[in-house]
All heavy atoms as atom14 arrays in JSON, in Angstrom:
{
  "sequence": "PAMLQLHHLSGMKLPPEEKLRIHISGMVMIYFQYPYINRLMHQLLSDE",
  "atom14_mask": [
    [1, 1, 1, 1, 1, 1, 1, 0, 0, 0, 0, 0, 0, 0],
    [1, 1, 1, 1, 1, 0, 0, 0, 0, 0, 0, 0, 0, 0],
    [1, 1, 1, 1, 1, 1, 1, 1, 0, 0, 0, 0, 0, 0],
    [1, 1, 1, 1, 1, 1, 1, 1, 0, 0, 0, 0, 0, 0],
    [1, 1, 1, 1, 1, 1, 1, 1, 1, 0, 0, 0, 0, 0],
    [1, 1, 1, 1, 1, 1, 1, 1, 0, 0, 0, 0, 0, 0],
    [1, 1, 1, 1, 1, 1, 1, 1, 1, 1, 0, 0, 0, 0],
    [1, 1, 1, 1, 1, 1, 1, 1, 1, 1, 0, 0, 0, 0],
    [1, 1, 1, 1, 1, 1, 1, 1, 0, 0, 0, 0, 0, 0],
    [1, 1, 1, 1, 1, 1, 0, 0, 0, 0, 0, 0, 0, 0],
    [1, 1, 1, 1, 0, 0, 0, 0, 0, 0, 0, 0, 0, 0],
    [1, 1, 1, 1, 1, 1, 1, 1, 0, 0, 0, 0, 0, 0],
    [1, 1, 1, 1, 1, 1, 1, 1, 1, 0, 0, 0, 0, 0],
    [1, 1, 1, 1, 1, 1, 1, 1, 0, 0, 0, 0, 0, 0],
    [1, 1, 1, 1, 1, 1, 1, 0, 0, 0, 0, 0, 0, 0],
    [1, 1, 1, 1, 1, 1, 1, 0, 0, 0, 0, 0, 0, 0],
    [1, 1, 1, 1, 1, 1, 1, 1, 1, 0, 0, 0, 0, 0],
    [1, 1, 1, 1, 1, 1, 1, 1, 1, 0, 0, 0, 0, 0],
    [1, 1, 1, 1, 1, 1, 1, 1, 1, 0, 0, 0, 0, 0],
    [1, 1, 1, 1, 1, 1, 1, 1, 0, 0, 0, 0, 0, 0],
    [1, 1, 1, 1, 1, 1, 1, 1, 1, 1, 1, 0, 0, 0],
    [1, 1, 1, 1, 1, 1, 1, 1, 0, 0, 0, 0, 0, 0],
    [1, 1, 1, 1, 1, 1, 1, 1, 1, 1, 0, 0, 0, 0],
    [1, 1, 1, 1, 1, 1, 1, 1, 0, 0, 0, 0, 0, 0],
    [1, 1, 1, 1, 1, 1, 0, 0, 0, 0, 0, 0, 0, 0],
    [1, 1, 1, 1, 0, 0, 0, 0, 0, 0, 0, 0, 0, 0],
    [1, 1, 1, 1, 1, 1, 1, 1, 0, 0, 0, 0, 0, 0],
    [1, 1, 1, 1, 1, 1, 1, 0, 0, 0, 0, 0, 0, 0],
    [1, 1, 1, 1, 1, 1, 1, 1, 0, 0, 0, 0, 0, 0],
    [1, 1, 1, 1, 1, 1, 1, 1, 0, 0, 0, 0, 0, 0],
    [1, 1, 1, 1, 1, 1, 1, 1, 1, 1, 1, 1, 0, 0],
    [1, 1, 1, 1, 1, 1, 1, 1, 1, 1, 1, 0, 0, 0],
    [1, 1, 1, 1, 1, 1, 1, 1, 1, 0, 0, 0, 0, 0],
    [1, 1, 1, 1, 1, 1, 1, 1, 1, 1, 1, 1, 0, 0],
    [1, 1, 1, 1, 1, 1, 1, 0, 0, 0, 0, 0, 0, 0],
    [1, 1, 1, 1, 1, 1, 1, 1, 1, 1, 1, 1, 0, 0],
    [1, 1, 1, 1, 1, 1, 1, 1, 0, 0, 0, 0, 0, 0],
    [1, 1, 1, 1, 1, 1, 1, 1, 0, 0, 0, 0, 0, 0],
    [1, 1, 1, 1, 1, 1, 1, 1, 1, 1, 1, 0, 0, 0],
    [1, 1, 1, 1, 1, 1, 1, 1, 0, 0, 0, 0, 0, 0],
    [1, 1, 1, 1, 1, 1, 1, 1, 0, 0, 0, 0, 0, 0],
    [1, 1, 1, 1, 1, 1, 1, 1, 1, 1, 0, 0, 0, 0],
    [1, 1, 1, 1, 1, 1, 1, 1, 1, 0, 0, 0, 0, 0],
    [1, 1, 1, 1, 1, 1, 1, 1, 0, 0, 0, 0, 0, 0],
    [1, 1, 1, 1, 1, 1, 1, 1, 0, 0, 0, 0, 0, 0],
    [1, 1, 1, 1, 1, 1, 0, 0, 0, 0, 0, 0, 0, 0],
    [1, 1, 1, 1, 1, 1, 1, 1, 0, 0, 0, 0, 0, 0],
    [1, 1, 1, 1, 1, 1, 1, 1, 1, 0, 0, 0, 0, 0]
  ],
  "atom14_positions": [
    [[41.19, -51.7, 37.28], [40.86, -53.13, 37.36], [39.41, -53.47, 36.85], [39.24, -54.51, 36.27], [40.89, -53.38, 38.94], [41.89, -52.29, 39.33], [41.54, -51.08, 38.55], [0.0, 0.0, 0.0], [0.0, 0.0, 0.0], [0.0, 0.0, 0.0], [0.0, 0.0, 0.0], [0.0, 0.0, 0.0], [0.0, 0.0, 0.0], [0.0, 0.0, 0.0]],
    [[38.46, -52.58, 37.12], [37.07, -52.85, 36.63], [37.11, -52.84, 35.09], [36.38, -53.65, 34.52], [36.2, -51.77, 37.16], [0.0, 0.0, 0.0], [0.0, 0.0, 0.0], [0.0, 0.0, 0.0], [0.0, 0.0, 0.0], [0.0, 0.0, 0.0], [0.0, 0.0, 0.0], [0.0, 0.0, 0.0], [0.0, 0.0, 0.0], [0.0, 0.0, 0.0]],
    [[37.81, -51.96, 34.44], [37.96, -51.98, 33.04], [38.52, -53.19, 32.42], [38.05, -53.78, 31.39], [38.78, -50.68, 32.52], [38.14, -49.4, 32.81], [36.63, -49.08, 31.85], [35.37, -49.29, 33.31], [0.0, 0.0, 0.0], [0.0, 0.0, 0.0], [0.0, 0.0, 0.0], [0.0, 0.0, 0.0], [0.0, 0.0, 0.0], [0.0, 0.0, 0.0]],
    [[39.51, -53.77, 33.18], [40.11, -54.95, 32.79], [39.14, -56.14, 32.82], [38.99, -57.06, 32.04], [41.34, -55.33, 33.59], [42.21, -56.58, 33.17], [42.68, -56.39, 31.73], [43.38, -56.7, 34.11], [0.0, 0.0, 0.0], [0.0, 0.0, 0.0], [0.0, 0.0, 0.0], [0.0, 0.0, 0.0], [0.0, 0.0, 0.0], [0.0, 0.0, 0.0]],
    [[38.35, -56.21, 33.94], [37.3, -57.3, 34.17], [36.25, -57.15, 33.19], [35.73, -58.11, 32.69], [36.76, -57.1, 35.56], [37.84, -57.42, 36.68], [37.26, -57.2, 38.04], [36.12, -56.67, 38.2], [38.0, -57.56, 39.14], [0.0, 0.0, 0.0], [0.0, 0.0, 0.0], [0.0, 0.0, 0.0], [0.0, 0.0, 0.0], [0.0, 0.0, 0.0]],
    [[35.88, -55.94, 32.76], [34.86, -55.69, 31.84], [35.25, -56.23, 30.44], [34.48, -56.88, 29.73], [34.61, -54.13, 31.67], [33.35, -53.75, 30.83], [32.08, -54.14, 31.51], [33.45, -52.27, 30.71], [0.0, 0.0, 0.0], [0.0, 0.0, 0.0], [0.0, 0.0, 0.0], [0.0, 0.0, 0.0], [0.0, 0.0, 0.0], [0.0, 0.0, 0.0]],
    [[36.55, -56.04, 30.13], [37.05, -56.5, 28.84], [37.0, -58.09, 28.92], [36.58, -58.72, 27.83], [38.5, -56.14, 28.72], [39.21, -56.69, 27.52], [38.9, -56.32, 26.2], [40.24, -57.69, 27.42], [39.67, -57.02, 25.32], [40.49, -57.82, 26.07], [0.0, 0.0, 0.0], [0.0, 0.0, 0.0], [0.0, 0.0, 0.0], [0.0, 0.0, 0.0]],
    [[37.34, -58.72, 29.95], [37.35, -60.19, 30.03], [35.89, -60.7, 29.94], [35.6, -61.87, 29.46], [37.92, -60.7, 31.39], [39.47, -60.46, 31.41], [40.22, -60.66, 30.31], [40.28, -60.19, 32.46], [41.51, -60.42, 30.68], [41.57, -60.12, 31.94], [0.0, 0.0, 0.0], [0.0, 0.0, 0.0], [0.0, 0.0, 0.0], [0.0, 0.0, 0.0]],
    [[34.91, -59.94, 30.4], [33.57, -60.38, 30.34], [33.01, -60.65, 29.04], [32.25, -61.64, 28.94], [32.64, -59.27, 31.09], [31.14, -59.59, 31.25], [30.9, -60.89, 32.05], [30.46, -58.38, 31.86], [0.0, 0.0, 0.0], [0.0, 0.0, 0.0], [0.0, 0.0, 0.0], [0.0, 0.0, 0.0], [0.0, 0.0, 0.0], [0.0, 0.0, 0.0]],
    [[33.39, -59.91, 28.12], [32.98, -60.14, 26.71], [33.32, -61.43, 26.23], [32.52, -62.17, 25.51], [33.58, -59.01, 25.77], [33.06, -57.8, 26.0], [0.0, 0.0, 0.0], [0.0, 0.0, 0.0], [0.0, 0.0, 0.0], [0.0, 0.0, 0.0], [0.0, 0.0, 0.0], [0.0, 0.0, 0.0], [0.0, 0.0, 0.0], [0.0, 0.0, 0.0]],
    [[34.54, -61.96, 26.57], [34.92, -63.26, 25.98], [34.52, -64.45, 26.83], [34.87, -65.62, 26.46], [0.0, 0.0, 0.0], [0.0, 0.0, 0.0], [0.0, 0.0, 0.0], [0.0, 0.0, 0.0], [0.0, 0.0, 0.0], [0.0, 0.0, 0.0], [0.0, 0.0, 0.0], [0.0, 0.0, 0.0], [0.0, 0.0, 0.0], [0.0, 0.0, 0.0]],
    [[33.89, -64.21, 27.98], [33.48, -65.45, 28.83], [32.44, -66.24, 28.14], [31.52, -65.77, 27.51], [33.08, -64.87, 30.15], [34.13, -64.18, 31.01], [33.59, -63.45, 32.55], [33.23, -64.9, 33.45], [0.0, 0.0, 0.0], [0.0, 0.0, 0.0], [0.0, 0.0, 0.0], [0.0, 0.0, 0.0], [0.0, 0.0, 0.0], [0.0, 0.0, 0.0]],
    [[32.48, -67.52, 28.37], [31.55, -68.37, 27.77], [30.31, -68.57, 28.73], [30.17, -69.57, 29.41], [32.15, -69.86, 27.5], [33.34, -69.83, 26.52], [32.92, -69.29, 25.1], [34.08, -69.26, 24.23], [33.8, -68.71, 22.93], [0.0, 0.0, 0.0], [0.0, 0.0, 0.0], [0.0, 0.0, 0.0], [0.0, 0.0, 0.0], [0.0, 0.0, 0.0]],
    [[29.53, -67.62, 28.74], [28.4, -67.55, 29.58], [27.15, -67.17, 28.78], [27.3, -66.39, 27.8], [28.57, -66.61, 30.8], [29.71, -66.87, 31.76], [29.9, -65.7, 32.71], [29.27, -68.15, 32.55], [0.0, 0.0, 0.0], [0.0, 0.0, 0.0], [0.0, 0.0, 0.0], [0.0, 0.0, 0.0], [0.0, 0.0, 0.0], [0.0, 0.0, 0.0]],
    [[25.87, -67.44, 29.26], [24.75, -66.99, 28.6], [24.67, -65.45, 28.66], [25.16, -64.83, 29.69], [23.54, -67.64, 29.39], [24.2, -68.81, 30.07], [25.64, -68.36, 30.3], [0.0, 0.0, 0.0], [0.0, 0.0, 0.0], [0.0, 0.0, 0.0], [0.0, 0.0, 0.0], [0.0, 0.0, 0.0], [0.0, 0.0, 0.0], [0.0, 0.0, 0.0]],
    [[24.09, -64.81, 27.74], [24.13, -63.24, 27.74], [23.4, -62.75, 28.95], [23.75, -61.65, 29.4], [23.39, -62.92, 26.42], [22.7, -64.16, 26.06], [23.51, -65.3, 26.45], [0.0, 0.0, 0.0], [0.0, 0.0, 0.0], [0.0, 0.0, 0.0], [0.0, 0.0, 0.0], [0.0, 0.0, 0.0], [0.0, 0.0, 0.0], [0.0, 0.0, 0.0]],
    [[22.37, -63.44, 29.45], [21.67, -62.87, 30.63], [22.54, -62.92, 31.91], [22.38, -62.1, 32.73], [20.32, -63.6, 30.86], [20.45, -65.06, 31.09], [20.35, -65.92, 29.85], [20.72, -65.42, 28.74], [19.91, -67.03, 29.88], [0.0, 0.0, 0.0], [0.0, 0.0, 0.0], [0.0, 0.0, 0.0], [0.0, 0.0, 0.0], [0.0, 0.0, 0.0]],
    [[23.4, -64.03, 31.9], [24.37, -64.02, 33.04], [25.4, -62.96, 32.93], [25.82, -62.34, 33.94], [24.99, -65.42, 33.1], [25.97, -65.6, 34.21], [25.35, -65.47, 35.72], [24.1, -65.65, 35.76], [26.05, -65.17, 36.58], [0.0, 0.0, 0.0], [0.0, 0.0, 0.0], [0.0, 0.0, 0.0], [0.0, 0.0, 0.0], [0.0, 0.0, 0.0]],
    [[25.91, -62.68, 31.71], [26.81, -61.56, 31.52], [26.21, -60.29, 31.95], [26.87, -59.39, 32.45], [27.22, -61.5, 30.08], [28.15, -62.63, 29.69], [28.65, -62.36, 28.22], [29.66, -63.46, 27.81], [30.2, -63.21, 26.42], [0.0, 0.0, 0.0], [0.0, 0.0, 0.0], [0.0, 0.0, 0.0], [0.0, 0.0, 0.0], [0.0, 0.0, 0.0]],
    [[24.86, -60.05, 31.59], [24.28, -58.87, 32.0], [24.21, -58.75, 33.51], [24.42, -57.64, 33.97], [22.79, -58.91, 31.38], [21.82, -57.78, 31.83], [22.48, -56.41, 31.27], [20.45, -57.98, 31.28], [0.0, 0.0, 0.0], [0.0, 0.0, 0.0], [0.0, 0.0, 0.0], [0.0, 0.0, 0.0], [0.0, 0.0, 0.0], [0.0, 0.0, 0.0]],
    [[23.91, -59.79, 34.23], [23.86, -59.66, 35.69], [25.24, -59.37, 36.3], [25.33, -58.54, 37.08], [23.32, -61.05, 36.29], [23.23, -60.86, 37.84], [22.58, -62.06, 38.49], [22.46, -61.88, 39.91], [21.47, -61.11, 40.54], [20.45, -60.63, 39.73], [21.42, -61.0, 41.75], [0.0, 0.0, 0.0], [0.0, 0.0, 0.0], [0.0, 0.0, 0.0]],
    [[26.22, -60.03, 35.71], [27.68, -59.68, 36.21], [27.99, -58.17, 35.92], [28.61, -57.5, 36.78], [28.68, -60.61, 35.46], [28.45, -62.1, 35.96], [30.12, -60.18, 35.81], [29.29, -63.07, 35.2], [0.0, 0.0, 0.0], [0.0, 0.0, 0.0], [0.0, 0.0, 0.0], [0.0, 0.0, 0.0], [0.0, 0.0, 0.0], [0.0, 0.0, 0.0]],
    [[27.57, -57.76, 34.79], [27.94, -56.37, 34.47], [27.23, -55.46, 35.29], [27.81, -54.49, 35.86], [27.47, -56.06, 32.93], [27.55, -54.61, 32.53], [28.63, -53.91, 32.63], [26.54, -53.78, 32.2], [28.42, -52.68, 32.3], [27.21, -52.6, 31.93], [0.0, 0.0, 0.0], [0.0, 0.0, 0.0], [0.0, 0.0, 0.0], [0.0, 0.0, 0.0]],
    [[25.84, -55.52, 35.6], [25.18, -54.73, 36.48], [25.77, -54.74, 37.83], [25.85, -53.73, 38.51], [23.62, -55.03, 36.4], [23.08, -54.62, 35.01], [22.91, -54.37, 37.58], [21.58, -55.05, 34.87], [0.0, 0.0, 0.0], [0.0, 0.0, 0.0], [0.0, 0.0, 0.0], [0.0, 0.0, 0.0], [0.0, 0.0, 0.0], [0.0, 0.0, 0.0]],
    [[25.97, -55.98, 38.32], [26.52, -56.09, 39.66], [27.87, -55.4, 39.79], [28.14, -54.75, 40.75], [26.67, -57.54, 40.04], [27.25, -57.76, 41.27], [0.0, 0.0, 0.0], [0.0, 0.0, 0.0], [0.0, 0.0, 0.0], [0.0, 0.0, 0.0], [0.0, 0.0, 0.0], [0.0, 0.0, 0.0], [0.0, 0.0, 0.0], [0.0, 0.0, 0.0]],
    [[28.7, -55.53, 38.77], [30.06, -54.89, 38.74], [29.95, -53.34, 38.78], [30.65, -52.68, 39.45], [0.0, 0.0, 0.0], [0.0, 0.0, 0.0], [0.0, 0.0, 0.0], [0.0, 0.0, 0.0], [0.0, 0.0, 0.0], [0.0, 0.0, 0.0], [0.0, 0.0, 0.0], [0.0, 0.0, 0.0], [0.0, 0.0, 0.0], [0.0, 0.0, 0.0]],
    [[28.99, -52.82, 37.96], [28.78, -51.38, 37.95], [28.35, -50.86, 39.29], [28.97, -49.84, 39.85], [27.67, -51.04, 36.94], [28.1, -51.21, 35.45], [29.03, -49.82, 34.83], [27.86, -48.53, 34.92], [0.0, 0.0, 0.0], [0.0, 0.0, 0.0], [0.0, 0.0, 0.0], [0.0, 0.0, 0.0], [0.0, 0.0, 0.0], [0.0, 0.0, 0.0]],
    [[27.39, -51.55, 39.95], [26.9, -51.13, 41.24], [28.01, -51.23, 42.29], [28.1, -50.31, 43.19], [25.66, -51.86, 41.67], [25.2, -51.48, 43.04], [24.57, -51.68, 40.68], [0.0, 0.0, 0.0], [0.0, 0.0, 0.0], [0.0, 0.0, 0.0], [0.0, 0.0, 0.0], [0.0, 0.0, 0.0], [0.0, 0.0, 0.0], [0.0, 0.0, 0.0]],
    [[28.83, -52.25, 42.2], [29.89, -52.47, 43.19], [30.93, -51.34, 43.1], [31.44, -50.9, 44.09], [30.48, -53.83, 42.97], [29.72, -54.98, 43.53], [29.5, -54.85, 45.32], [31.15, -54.87, 45.97], [0.0, 0.0, 0.0], [0.0, 0.0, 0.0], [0.0, 0.0, 0.0], [0.0, 0.0, 0.0], [0.0, 0.0, 0.0], [0.0, 0.0, 0.0]],
    [[31.18, -50.93, 41.99], [32.26, -49.81, 41.78], [31.73, -48.51, 42.47], [32.45, -47.8, 43.22], [32.47, -49.55, 40.27], [33.4, -50.67, 39.73], [33.18, -48.26, 40.16], [34.85, -50.65, 40.38], [0.0, 0.0, 0.0], [0.0, 0.0, 0.0], [0.0, 0.0, 0.0], [0.0, 0.0, 0.0], [0.0, 0.0, 0.0], [0.0, 0.0, 0.0]],
    [[30.41, -48.19, 42.25], [29.9, -46.98, 42.87], [29.81, -47.22, 44.34], [30.02, -46.26, 45.14], [28.49, -46.83, 42.29], [28.31, -46.13, 40.96], [28.32, -46.81, 39.77], [28.35, -44.71, 40.9], [28.27, -46.2, 38.58], [28.31, -44.11, 39.65], [28.19, -44.83, 38.45], [28.14, -44.22, 37.24], [0.0, 0.0, 0.0], [0.0, 0.0, 0.0]],
    [[29.57, -48.45, 44.81], [29.48, -48.73, 46.23], [30.83, -48.57, 46.92], [30.96, -48.03, 47.93], [28.83, -50.06, 46.54], [28.58, -50.46, 47.88], [27.63, -49.81, 48.69], [29.42, -51.37, 48.55], [27.35, -50.13, 50.04], [29.12, -51.82, 49.82], [28.26, -51.1, 50.62], [0.0, 0.0, 0.0], [0.0, 0.0, 0.0], [0.0, 0.0, 0.0]],
    [[31.79, -49.19, 46.3], [33.18, -49.15, 46.91], [33.78, -47.75, 46.84], [34.58, -47.39, 47.71], [34.09, -50.13, 46.14], [33.7, -51.58, 46.43], [34.6, -52.53, 45.63], [34.93, -52.28, 44.44], [34.88, -53.7, 46.22], [0.0, 0.0, 0.0], [0.0, 0.0, 0.0], [0.0, 0.0, 0.0], [0.0, 0.0, 0.0], [0.0, 0.0, 0.0]],
    [[33.5, -47.03, 45.72], [34.1, -45.72, 45.62], [33.03, -44.73, 45.3], [32.74, -44.21, 44.06], [35.15, -45.78, 44.38], [36.14, -46.89, 44.48], [36.04, -47.95, 43.77], [37.22, -46.7, 45.36], [36.96, -48.99, 43.87], [38.19, -47.69, 45.56], [38.04, -48.91, 44.73], [39.03, -49.84, 44.92], [0.0, 0.0, 0.0], [0.0, 0.0, 0.0]],
    [[32.27, -44.27, 46.34], [31.14, -43.47, 46.15], [31.35, -42.04, 45.65], [30.45, -41.43, 45.19], [30.48, -43.35, 47.62], [31.63, -43.66, 48.5], [32.56, -44.64, 47.77], [0.0, 0.0, 0.0], [0.0, 0.0, 0.0], [0.0, 0.0, 0.0], [0.0, 0.0, 0.0], [0.0, 0.0, 0.0], [0.0, 0.0, 0.0], [0.0, 0.0, 0.0]],
    [[32.67, -41.69, 45.59], [33.0, -40.35, 45.02], [33.2, -40.36, 43.55], [33.33, -39.34, 42.84], [34.24, -39.88, 45.71], [35.43, -40.81, 45.63], [36.26, -40.78, 44.51], [35.74, -41.63, 46.64], [37.3, -41.72, 44.44], [36.84, -42.58, 46.5], [37.57, -42.53, 45.43], [38.68, -43.45, 45.24], [0.0, 0.0, 0.0], [0.0, 0.0, 0.0]],
    [[33.21, -41.53, 42.94], [33.59, -41.61, 41.49], [32.65, -40.86, 40.53], [33.11, -40.08, 39.77], [33.58, -43.11, 41.09], [34.74, -43.89, 41.63], [33.5, -43.21, 39.57], [36.07, -43.34, 40.99], [0.0, 0.0, 0.0], [0.0, 0.0, 0.0], [0.0, 0.0, 0.0], [0.0, 0.0, 0.0], [0.0, 0.0, 0.0], [0.0, 0.0, 0.0]],
    [[31.35, -41.01, 40.81], [30.42, -40.26, 39.84], [30.48, -38.69, 40.14], [30.51, -37.93, 39.25], [28.98, -40.68, 40.04], [28.47, -40.63, 41.5], [29.3, -40.53, 42.41], [27.18, -40.66, 41.64], [0.0, 0.0, 0.0], [0.0, 0.0, 0.0], [0.0, 0.0, 0.0], [0.0, 0.0, 0.0], [0.0, 0.0, 0.0], [0.0, 0.0, 0.0]],
    [[30.64, -38.33, 41.45], [30.73, -36.91, 41.71], [32.05, -36.4, 41.14], [32.07, -35.15, 40.58], [30.77, -36.68, 43.21], [29.46, -37.04, 43.92], [29.52, -36.62, 45.4], [28.34, -37.26, 46.08], [28.4, -38.25, 46.78], [29.53, -38.94, 46.89], [27.38, -38.82, 47.46], [0.0, 0.0, 0.0], [0.0, 0.0, 0.0], [0.0, 0.0, 0.0]],
    [[33.19, -37.19, 41.15], [34.4, -36.66, 40.63], [34.35, -36.55, 39.15], [34.84, -35.43, 38.47], [35.49, -37.66, 41.05], [36.91, -37.4, 40.55], [37.4, -35.95, 40.85], [37.93, -38.45, 40.99], [0.0, 0.0, 0.0], [0.0, 0.0, 0.0], [0.0, 0.0, 0.0], [0.0, 0.0, 0.0], [0.0, 0.0, 0.0], [0.0, 0.0, 0.0]],
    [[33.7, -37.47, 38.45], [33.58, -37.31, 36.92], [32.74, -36.06, 36.64], [33.05, -35.31, 35.74], [32.9, -38.61, 36.43], [33.84, -39.74, 36.3], [33.0, -41.16, 35.43], [34.43, -42.27, 35.4], [0.0, 0.0, 0.0], [0.0, 0.0, 0.0], [0.0, 0.0, 0.0], [0.0, 0.0, 0.0], [0.0, 0.0, 0.0], [0.0, 0.0, 0.0]],
    [[31.59, -35.88, 37.38], [30.76, -34.71, 37.07], [31.55, -33.45, 37.26], [31.39, -32.45, 36.62], [29.54, -34.78, 38.0], [28.5, -35.75, 37.55], [27.82, -35.64, 36.33], [27.95, -36.83, 38.18], [27.05, -36.64, 36.32], [26.98, -37.37, 37.36], [0.0, 0.0, 0.0], [0.0, 0.0, 0.0], [0.0, 0.0, 0.0], [0.0, 0.0, 0.0]],
    [[32.37, -33.39, 38.34], [33.15, -32.26, 38.71], [34.12, -31.84, 37.61], [34.24, -30.75, 37.18], [33.92, -32.53, 39.99], [34.72, -31.31, 40.5], [33.88, -30.2, 41.12], [32.89, -30.49, 41.85], [34.21, -28.92, 40.73], [0.0, 0.0, 0.0], [0.0, 0.0, 0.0], [0.0, 0.0, 0.0], [0.0, 0.0, 0.0], [0.0, 0.0, 0.0]],
    [[34.9, -32.92, 37.13], [35.87, -32.72, 36.06], [35.2, -32.33, 34.83], [35.74, -31.35, 34.13], [36.63, -34.05, 35.87], [37.7, -34.36, 36.99], [38.2, -35.79, 36.75], [38.82, -33.44, 37.06], [0.0, 0.0, 0.0], [0.0, 0.0, 0.0], [0.0, 0.0, 0.0], [0.0, 0.0, 0.0], [0.0, 0.0, 0.0], [0.0, 0.0, 0.0]],
    [[34.0, -32.94, 34.41], [33.38, -32.49, 33.2], [32.73, -31.07, 33.3], [32.64, -30.45, 32.22], [32.25, -33.59, 32.98], [32.76, -34.92, 32.6], [31.59, -35.93, 32.5], [33.47, -34.87, 31.21], [0.0, 0.0, 0.0], [0.0, 0.0, 0.0], [0.0, 0.0, 0.0], [0.0, 0.0, 0.0], [0.0, 0.0, 0.0], [0.0, 0.0, 0.0]],
    [[32.43, -30.73, 34.48], [31.86, -29.44, 34.67], [32.89, -28.33, 34.68], [32.72, -27.22, 34.06], [31.08, -29.32, 36.06], [30.62, -27.98, 36.35], [0.0, 0.0, 0.0], [0.0, 0.0, 0.0], [0.0, 0.0, 0.0], [0.0, 0.0, 0.0], [0.0, 0.0, 0.0], [0.0, 0.0, 0.0], [0.0, 0.0, 0.0], [0.0, 0.0, 0.0]],
    [[34.04, -28.59, 35.27], [35.19, -27.65, 35.31], [35.9, -27.42, 33.98], [36.14, -26.36, 33.67], [36.22, -28.02, 36.41], [35.64, -27.93, 37.86], [34.53, -27.29, 38.0], [36.21, -28.48, 38.75], [0.0, 0.0, 0.0], [0.0, 0.0, 0.0], [0.0, 0.0, 0.0], [0.0, 0.0, 0.0], [0.0, 0.0, 0.0], [0.0, 0.0, 0.0]],
    [[36.1, -28.55, 33.33], [36.95, -28.5, 32.14], [36.4, -29.52, 31.08], [37.13, -30.53, 30.79], [38.39, -28.76, 32.43], [39.06, -27.76, 33.35], [40.65, -28.04, 33.47], [41.23, -28.07, 32.45], [41.02, -28.12, 34.63], [0.0, 0.0, 0.0], [0.0, 0.0, 0.0], [0.0, 0.0, 0.0], [0.0, 0.0, 0.0], [0.0, 0.0, 0.0]]
  ]
}
């Protein structure tokens, strides 16, 4: 869902600084909602 929202963000009629804030907020929210995501990626990249 986050990847889909990210795709829509590019086409939104908003000032670039507002898009930047939405992007940063979205990135942090993903880590906050799913705190294991970064560890899981690191684990997969380390193992294989």
